[in-house]
Protein backbone atom coordinates (compact mmCIF):
# COMPACT_ATOMS: atom_id res chain seq x y z
CA MET A 1 20.43 -44.44 -79.53
CA THR A 2 17.23 -42.48 -79.01
CA PRO A 3 16.17 -40.56 -82.15
CA HIS A 4 15.71 -36.82 -81.83
CA ASN A 5 12.44 -35.00 -82.33
CA THR A 6 11.86 -33.48 -85.77
CA GLU A 7 9.35 -30.88 -84.49
CA LEU A 8 10.31 -27.26 -84.09
CA THR A 9 9.84 -26.06 -80.51
CA ILE A 10 10.03 -22.40 -79.52
CA LEU A 11 9.84 -21.51 -75.83
CA SER A 12 8.17 -24.87 -75.03
CA THR A 13 5.58 -24.33 -77.79
CA THR A 14 5.42 -26.88 -80.58
CA ILE A 15 5.29 -25.24 -84.03
CA HIS A 16 3.12 -27.43 -86.23
CA ARG A 17 3.79 -27.99 -89.95
CA ASP A 18 1.50 -28.70 -92.84
CA ALA A 19 1.93 -31.36 -95.51
CA GLU A 20 4.22 -29.08 -97.56
CA GLY A 21 6.56 -28.43 -94.62
CA ARG A 22 5.39 -24.86 -93.90
CA TYR A 23 5.36 -23.69 -90.27
CA CYS A 24 2.28 -22.50 -88.38
CA LEU A 25 2.63 -18.77 -87.80
CA ASN A 26 -0.17 -18.86 -85.21
CA ASP A 27 1.95 -21.18 -83.06
CA CYS A 28 4.86 -18.76 -83.39
CA HIS A 29 2.57 -15.95 -82.27
CA LYS A 30 1.57 -18.00 -79.23
CA ALA A 31 5.22 -18.69 -78.38
CA ALA A 32 5.97 -14.96 -78.56
CA GLY A 33 3.31 -14.16 -75.97
CA ALA A 34 0.19 -13.87 -78.16
CA ALA A 35 0.04 -10.08 -77.93
CA LYS A 36 -2.69 -8.72 -80.21
CA LYS A 37 -0.33 -6.19 -81.83
CA ASP A 38 1.95 -9.07 -82.88
CA GLY A 39 -0.78 -11.01 -84.70
CA PRO A 40 0.31 -12.74 -87.93
CA SER A 41 -2.32 -10.91 -89.98
CA TYR A 42 -0.84 -7.54 -89.03
CA TRP A 43 2.62 -8.59 -90.12
CA LEU A 44 1.46 -10.22 -93.36
CA ALA A 45 -0.22 -6.92 -94.28
CA THR A 46 3.12 -5.07 -94.17
CA THR A 47 4.95 -4.21 -97.38
CA ASP A 48 8.10 -6.05 -96.29
CA ALA A 49 6.23 -9.29 -95.61
CA GLN A 50 4.42 -9.14 -98.95
CA LYS A 51 7.64 -8.44 -100.88
CA LEU A 52 9.44 -11.31 -99.18
CA ALA A 53 6.58 -13.74 -99.79
CA SER A 54 6.41 -12.68 -103.44
CA ARG A 55 10.15 -13.24 -103.90
CA LEU A 56 9.97 -16.71 -102.34
CA ASP A 57 6.99 -17.62 -104.54
CA SER A 58 9.00 -16.64 -107.63
CA GLU A 59 11.78 -19.04 -106.70
CA THR A 60 9.66 -22.14 -106.06
CA THR A 61 6.56 -23.80 -107.44
CA GLY A 62 4.81 -23.86 -104.05
CA LYS A 63 3.19 -21.10 -102.03
CA SER A 64 5.18 -19.47 -99.23
CA VAL A 65 1.99 -18.42 -97.37
CA VAL A 66 -1.13 -20.55 -97.04
CA THR A 67 -4.14 -19.96 -94.78
CA ASN A 68 -6.30 -22.96 -93.92
CA GLU A 69 -9.84 -22.62 -92.61
CA GLY A 70 -11.63 -24.87 -90.15
CA ARG A 71 -10.92 -26.42 -86.78
CA ASN A 72 -7.26 -27.16 -87.49
CA GLY A 73 -6.77 -24.09 -89.63
CA GLY A 74 -4.18 -21.38 -89.38
CA THR A 75 -1.58 -19.53 -91.42
CA TYR A 76 1.40 -21.62 -92.54
CA VAL A 77 4.54 -20.01 -93.97
CA ALA A 78 7.97 -20.93 -95.29
CA LYS A 79 10.90 -21.04 -92.88
CA GLU A 80 12.32 -17.74 -94.17
CA LEU A 81 9.07 -15.99 -93.28
CA VAL A 82 9.23 -17.38 -89.73
CA TYR A 83 12.60 -15.65 -89.33
CA ALA A 84 11.24 -12.42 -90.75
CA TYR A 85 8.12 -12.54 -88.58
CA ALA A 86 10.25 -13.08 -85.46
CA MET A 87 12.48 -10.12 -86.39
CA TRP A 88 9.37 -7.96 -86.82
CA ILE A 89 8.19 -8.79 -83.28
CA ASN A 90 11.47 -7.98 -81.50
CA VAL A 91 15.17 -8.78 -81.42
CA ASP A 92 14.94 -11.17 -78.46
CA PHE A 93 12.28 -13.33 -80.08
CA HIS A 94 14.20 -13.28 -83.37
CA LEU A 95 17.26 -14.66 -81.59
CA THR A 96 15.14 -17.29 -79.83
CA VAL A 97 13.77 -18.48 -83.19
CA ILE A 98 17.23 -18.70 -84.73
CA ARG A 99 18.45 -20.82 -81.84
CA ALA A 100 15.35 -23.03 -82.00
CA PHE A 101 16.02 -23.81 -85.68
CA ASP A 102 19.69 -24.44 -84.91
CA ALA A 103 18.70 -26.89 -82.17
CA LEU A 104 16.38 -28.65 -84.59
CA VAL A 105 19.08 -28.99 -87.25
CA THR A 106 21.80 -30.16 -84.84
CA GLY A 107 19.51 -32.64 -83.08
CA GLN A 108 19.60 -30.98 -79.67
CA ILE A 109 15.84 -31.27 -79.07
CA PRO A 110 15.06 -34.41 -77.01
CA ASN A 111 12.39 -36.84 -78.13
CA ALA A 112 10.05 -35.89 -75.26
CA ALA A 113 10.04 -33.84 -72.12
CA PRO A 114 11.13 -35.84 -69.05
CA LYS A 115 8.30 -37.08 -66.90
CA PRO A 116 7.97 -35.21 -63.62
CA LYS A 117 9.08 -37.16 -60.60
CA ARG A 118 6.26 -38.64 -58.61
CA ILE A 119 6.21 -37.32 -55.07
CA ARG A 120 5.74 -40.31 -52.82
CA LYS A 121 4.21 -39.81 -49.42
CA PRO A 122 5.68 -41.88 -46.60
CA SER A 123 3.81 -44.92 -45.34
CA PHE A 124 1.26 -43.82 -42.74
CA ALA A 125 2.12 -46.83 -40.55
CA VAL A 126 5.83 -45.95 -40.49
CA THR A 127 5.03 -42.28 -39.97
CA PHE A 128 2.70 -43.05 -37.06
CA ASP A 129 5.42 -45.14 -35.37
CA ARG A 130 7.89 -42.28 -35.75
CA CYS A 131 5.41 -39.75 -34.40
CA MET A 132 4.75 -41.97 -31.40
CA LYS A 133 8.47 -42.03 -30.65
CA VAL A 134 8.54 -38.23 -30.74
CA VAL A 135 5.69 -37.82 -28.25
CA ALA A 136 6.62 -40.80 -26.05
CA HIS A 137 8.58 -38.73 -23.53
CA LEU A 138 6.39 -35.62 -23.40
CA PRO A 139 5.68 -34.65 -19.79
CA ASN A 140 2.16 -34.16 -18.42
CA VAL A 141 0.54 -35.87 -21.41
CA ASP A 142 -1.44 -39.06 -20.90
CA GLU A 143 -1.32 -42.00 -23.28
CA ASN A 144 -4.56 -41.08 -25.02
CA GLN A 145 -3.25 -37.63 -25.83
CA LYS A 146 0.03 -39.05 -27.13
CA VAL A 147 -1.81 -41.38 -29.50
CA LEU A 148 -4.01 -38.52 -30.68
CA MET A 149 -1.03 -36.22 -31.28
CA ALA A 150 0.76 -38.94 -33.26
CA ALA A 151 -2.38 -39.56 -35.31
CA ARG A 152 -2.70 -35.86 -36.13
CA GLY A 153 0.96 -35.67 -37.11
CA THR A 154 0.50 -38.67 -39.39
CA GLN A 155 -2.50 -37.05 -41.07
CA ASN A 156 -0.55 -33.83 -41.67
CA LEU A 157 2.33 -35.74 -43.28
CA CYS A 158 0.46 -38.49 -45.16
CA GLY A 159 -3.12 -37.30 -45.43
CA ILE A 160 -4.32 -40.35 -43.47
CA ASN A 161 -5.47 -40.52 -39.85
CA PRO A 162 -4.63 -44.06 -38.67
CA LEU A 163 -7.31 -43.94 -35.96
CA GLU A 164 -10.02 -43.28 -38.53
CA VAL A 165 -8.64 -46.00 -40.83
CA MET A 166 -8.98 -48.53 -38.01
CA GLY A 167 -12.46 -47.36 -37.11
CA TYR A 168 -11.69 -45.79 -33.74
CA THR A 169 -14.22 -43.12 -32.83
CA ALA A 170 -12.97 -42.81 -29.24
CA LEU A 171 -9.93 -43.84 -27.25
CA PRO A 172 -10.67 -46.04 -24.21
CA ALA A 173 -10.04 -44.66 -20.74
CA GLN A 174 -7.04 -45.80 -18.73
CA THR A 175 -9.31 -47.23 -16.01
CA GLN A 176 -12.08 -49.83 -16.06
CA ASP A 177 -14.79 -47.30 -15.25
CA ASN A 178 -17.66 -47.21 -17.70
CA TYR A 179 -17.78 -43.50 -18.51
CA MET A 180 -21.05 -42.20 -19.92
CA THR A 181 -22.16 -39.24 -22.04
CA PRO A 182 -24.73 -36.77 -20.62
CA THR A 183 -27.34 -38.38 -22.87
CA GLN A 184 -26.53 -41.83 -21.48
CA LEU A 185 -26.68 -40.53 -17.91
CA GLY A 186 -30.00 -38.84 -18.59
CA SER A 187 -31.53 -42.02 -19.98
CA GLU A 188 -31.10 -43.59 -16.54
CA VAL A 189 -33.31 -40.98 -14.85
CA GLY A 190 -35.54 -39.84 -17.71
CA MET A 191 -33.70 -36.63 -18.64
CA THR A 192 -32.34 -35.19 -21.84
CA GLY A 193 -28.63 -34.70 -22.30
CA ARG A 194 -29.16 -30.94 -22.32
CA ARG A 195 -30.91 -31.06 -18.94
CA VAL A 196 -28.11 -33.23 -17.54
CA ASN A 197 -25.52 -30.67 -18.63
CA GLN A 198 -27.49 -27.88 -16.94
CA ILE A 199 -27.62 -29.79 -13.63
CA LEU A 200 -23.96 -30.79 -13.72
CA TRP A 201 -23.12 -27.13 -14.33
CA LYS A 202 -25.49 -25.03 -12.20
CA GLU A 203 -26.47 -27.47 -9.44
CA ALA A 204 -23.68 -30.01 -9.02
CA ARG A 205 -20.87 -27.61 -10.02
CA LEU A 206 -19.01 -30.42 -11.78
CA GLN A 207 -18.49 -28.61 -15.09
CA LEU A 208 -18.35 -25.19 -16.73
CA PRO A 209 -19.24 -24.18 -20.30
CA THR A 210 -16.22 -23.68 -22.58
CA PRO A 211 -17.65 -22.76 -26.01
CA GLY A 212 -15.10 -22.29 -28.77
CA SER A 213 -12.29 -24.00 -26.86
CA SER A 214 -9.32 -25.44 -28.76
CA SER A 215 -10.21 -28.93 -27.51
CA GLY A 216 -13.51 -28.85 -29.40
CA SER A 217 -15.51 -29.64 -26.25
CA ASP A 218 -18.30 -27.33 -25.09
CA TRP A 219 -17.69 -28.28 -21.45
CA GLY A 220 -14.74 -28.44 -19.07
CA MET A 221 -14.46 -29.97 -15.59
CA THR A 222 -14.25 -27.96 -12.38
CA GLU A 223 -11.91 -29.14 -9.61
CA ARG A 224 -14.85 -30.92 -8.05
CA GLY A 225 -15.69 -32.55 -11.36
CA LEU A 226 -12.24 -34.11 -11.73
CA ALA A 227 -13.31 -36.94 -9.41
CA TYR A 228 -16.24 -37.84 -11.66
CA GLY A 229 -15.39 -36.91 -15.24
CA ARG A 230 -12.81 -37.55 -17.91
CA MET A 231 -12.02 -36.08 -21.34
CA PHE A 232 -12.11 -38.55 -24.22
CA ASP A 233 -10.63 -38.07 -27.69
CA THR A 234 -13.34 -38.70 -30.30
CA THR A 235 -13.66 -38.44 -34.08
CA ARG A 236 -15.54 -35.35 -35.27
CA LYS A 237 -18.97 -36.05 -36.70
CA GLY A 238 -19.23 -35.45 -40.44
CA GLY A 239 -15.62 -34.38 -40.77
CA ARG A 240 -12.00 -35.28 -40.40
CA GLY A 241 -9.87 -34.98 -37.31
CA SER A 242 -10.61 -35.42 -33.62
CA GLN A 243 -11.99 -33.50 -30.69
CA GLN A 244 -12.44 -33.98 -26.96
CA GLN A 245 -15.68 -35.02 -25.28
CA LEU A 246 -16.42 -34.88 -21.56
CA LYS A 247 -17.90 -38.10 -20.12
CA TRP A 248 -18.91 -39.06 -16.58
CA LYS A 249 -18.67 -41.99 -14.21
CA PRO A 250 -21.99 -43.75 -13.46
CA SER A 251 -21.72 -42.39 -9.91
CA ALA A 252 -22.52 -38.91 -11.30
CA ILE A 253 -26.15 -40.09 -11.63
CA GLU A 254 -26.58 -39.43 -7.90
CA PHE A 255 -26.37 -35.69 -8.62
CA LEU A 256 -29.26 -36.06 -11.07
CA ARG A 257 -31.72 -38.11 -9.03
CA PRO A 258 -32.99 -35.19 -6.89
CA PHE A 259 -33.98 -33.43 -10.12
CA ALA A 260 -35.45 -36.40 -11.91
CA LYS A 261 -39.03 -35.13 -11.55
CA THR A 262 -38.16 -31.45 -11.70
CA PRO A 263 -39.14 -29.65 -14.96
CA ALA A 264 -36.16 -28.46 -16.98
CA GLN A 265 -35.26 -24.83 -16.33
CA THR A 266 -34.62 -22.38 -19.15
CA ALA A 267 -30.90 -21.61 -19.48
């Protein structure tokens, strides 16, 4: 049988005792709400408190009120004074103190508060499989998008993105074409990625700027661009989550060659 606690607890506050068995009035004050007007020193200065302490001192050899200085100091009083102090604060707190002492005497205070239950997050692998089943039959969504949606759902539920765990920074295209970034295209003809984007936009009419889009990409394909480009799902640089990036087939280089020796124009 588990032994019961011998400490007095009032409203989840442990009331400490000194070596003589007196109770800490400062702890009682804390349990009552710690209002300044209810401070132990104010009550001990009342005539009623002084008369009661004097009467208790006359009946025993010990002191009914002791104040200790230092780090672990405080005012410690006999049990009868705890009752009186609680009554002085208000009726509700007085009743709470009476019931706390009753619980202590009858052994109703458990040895320790129960440990909070640990909230276990589901396995990210199992969660990813379940998310994939949910998105499997979505219409008008390609396989890359389904994987990305399942990965985002897993991160929301478990705090882990399985694509990032496995080191994927981009999802491969469904075809065998070697899609290239604007920077990679530009390296073939001696251009910067910025210049490539300008040509693909203003000259070739393959893309349009889409700043602030929900996909995270700064560019979107025109109808003409659909034959040359593709959106890839990539991991965000320096942060969590994914975004889309527009890449191009190597054949898009043909749109750049006429401008290879043309100075870049100011946007």
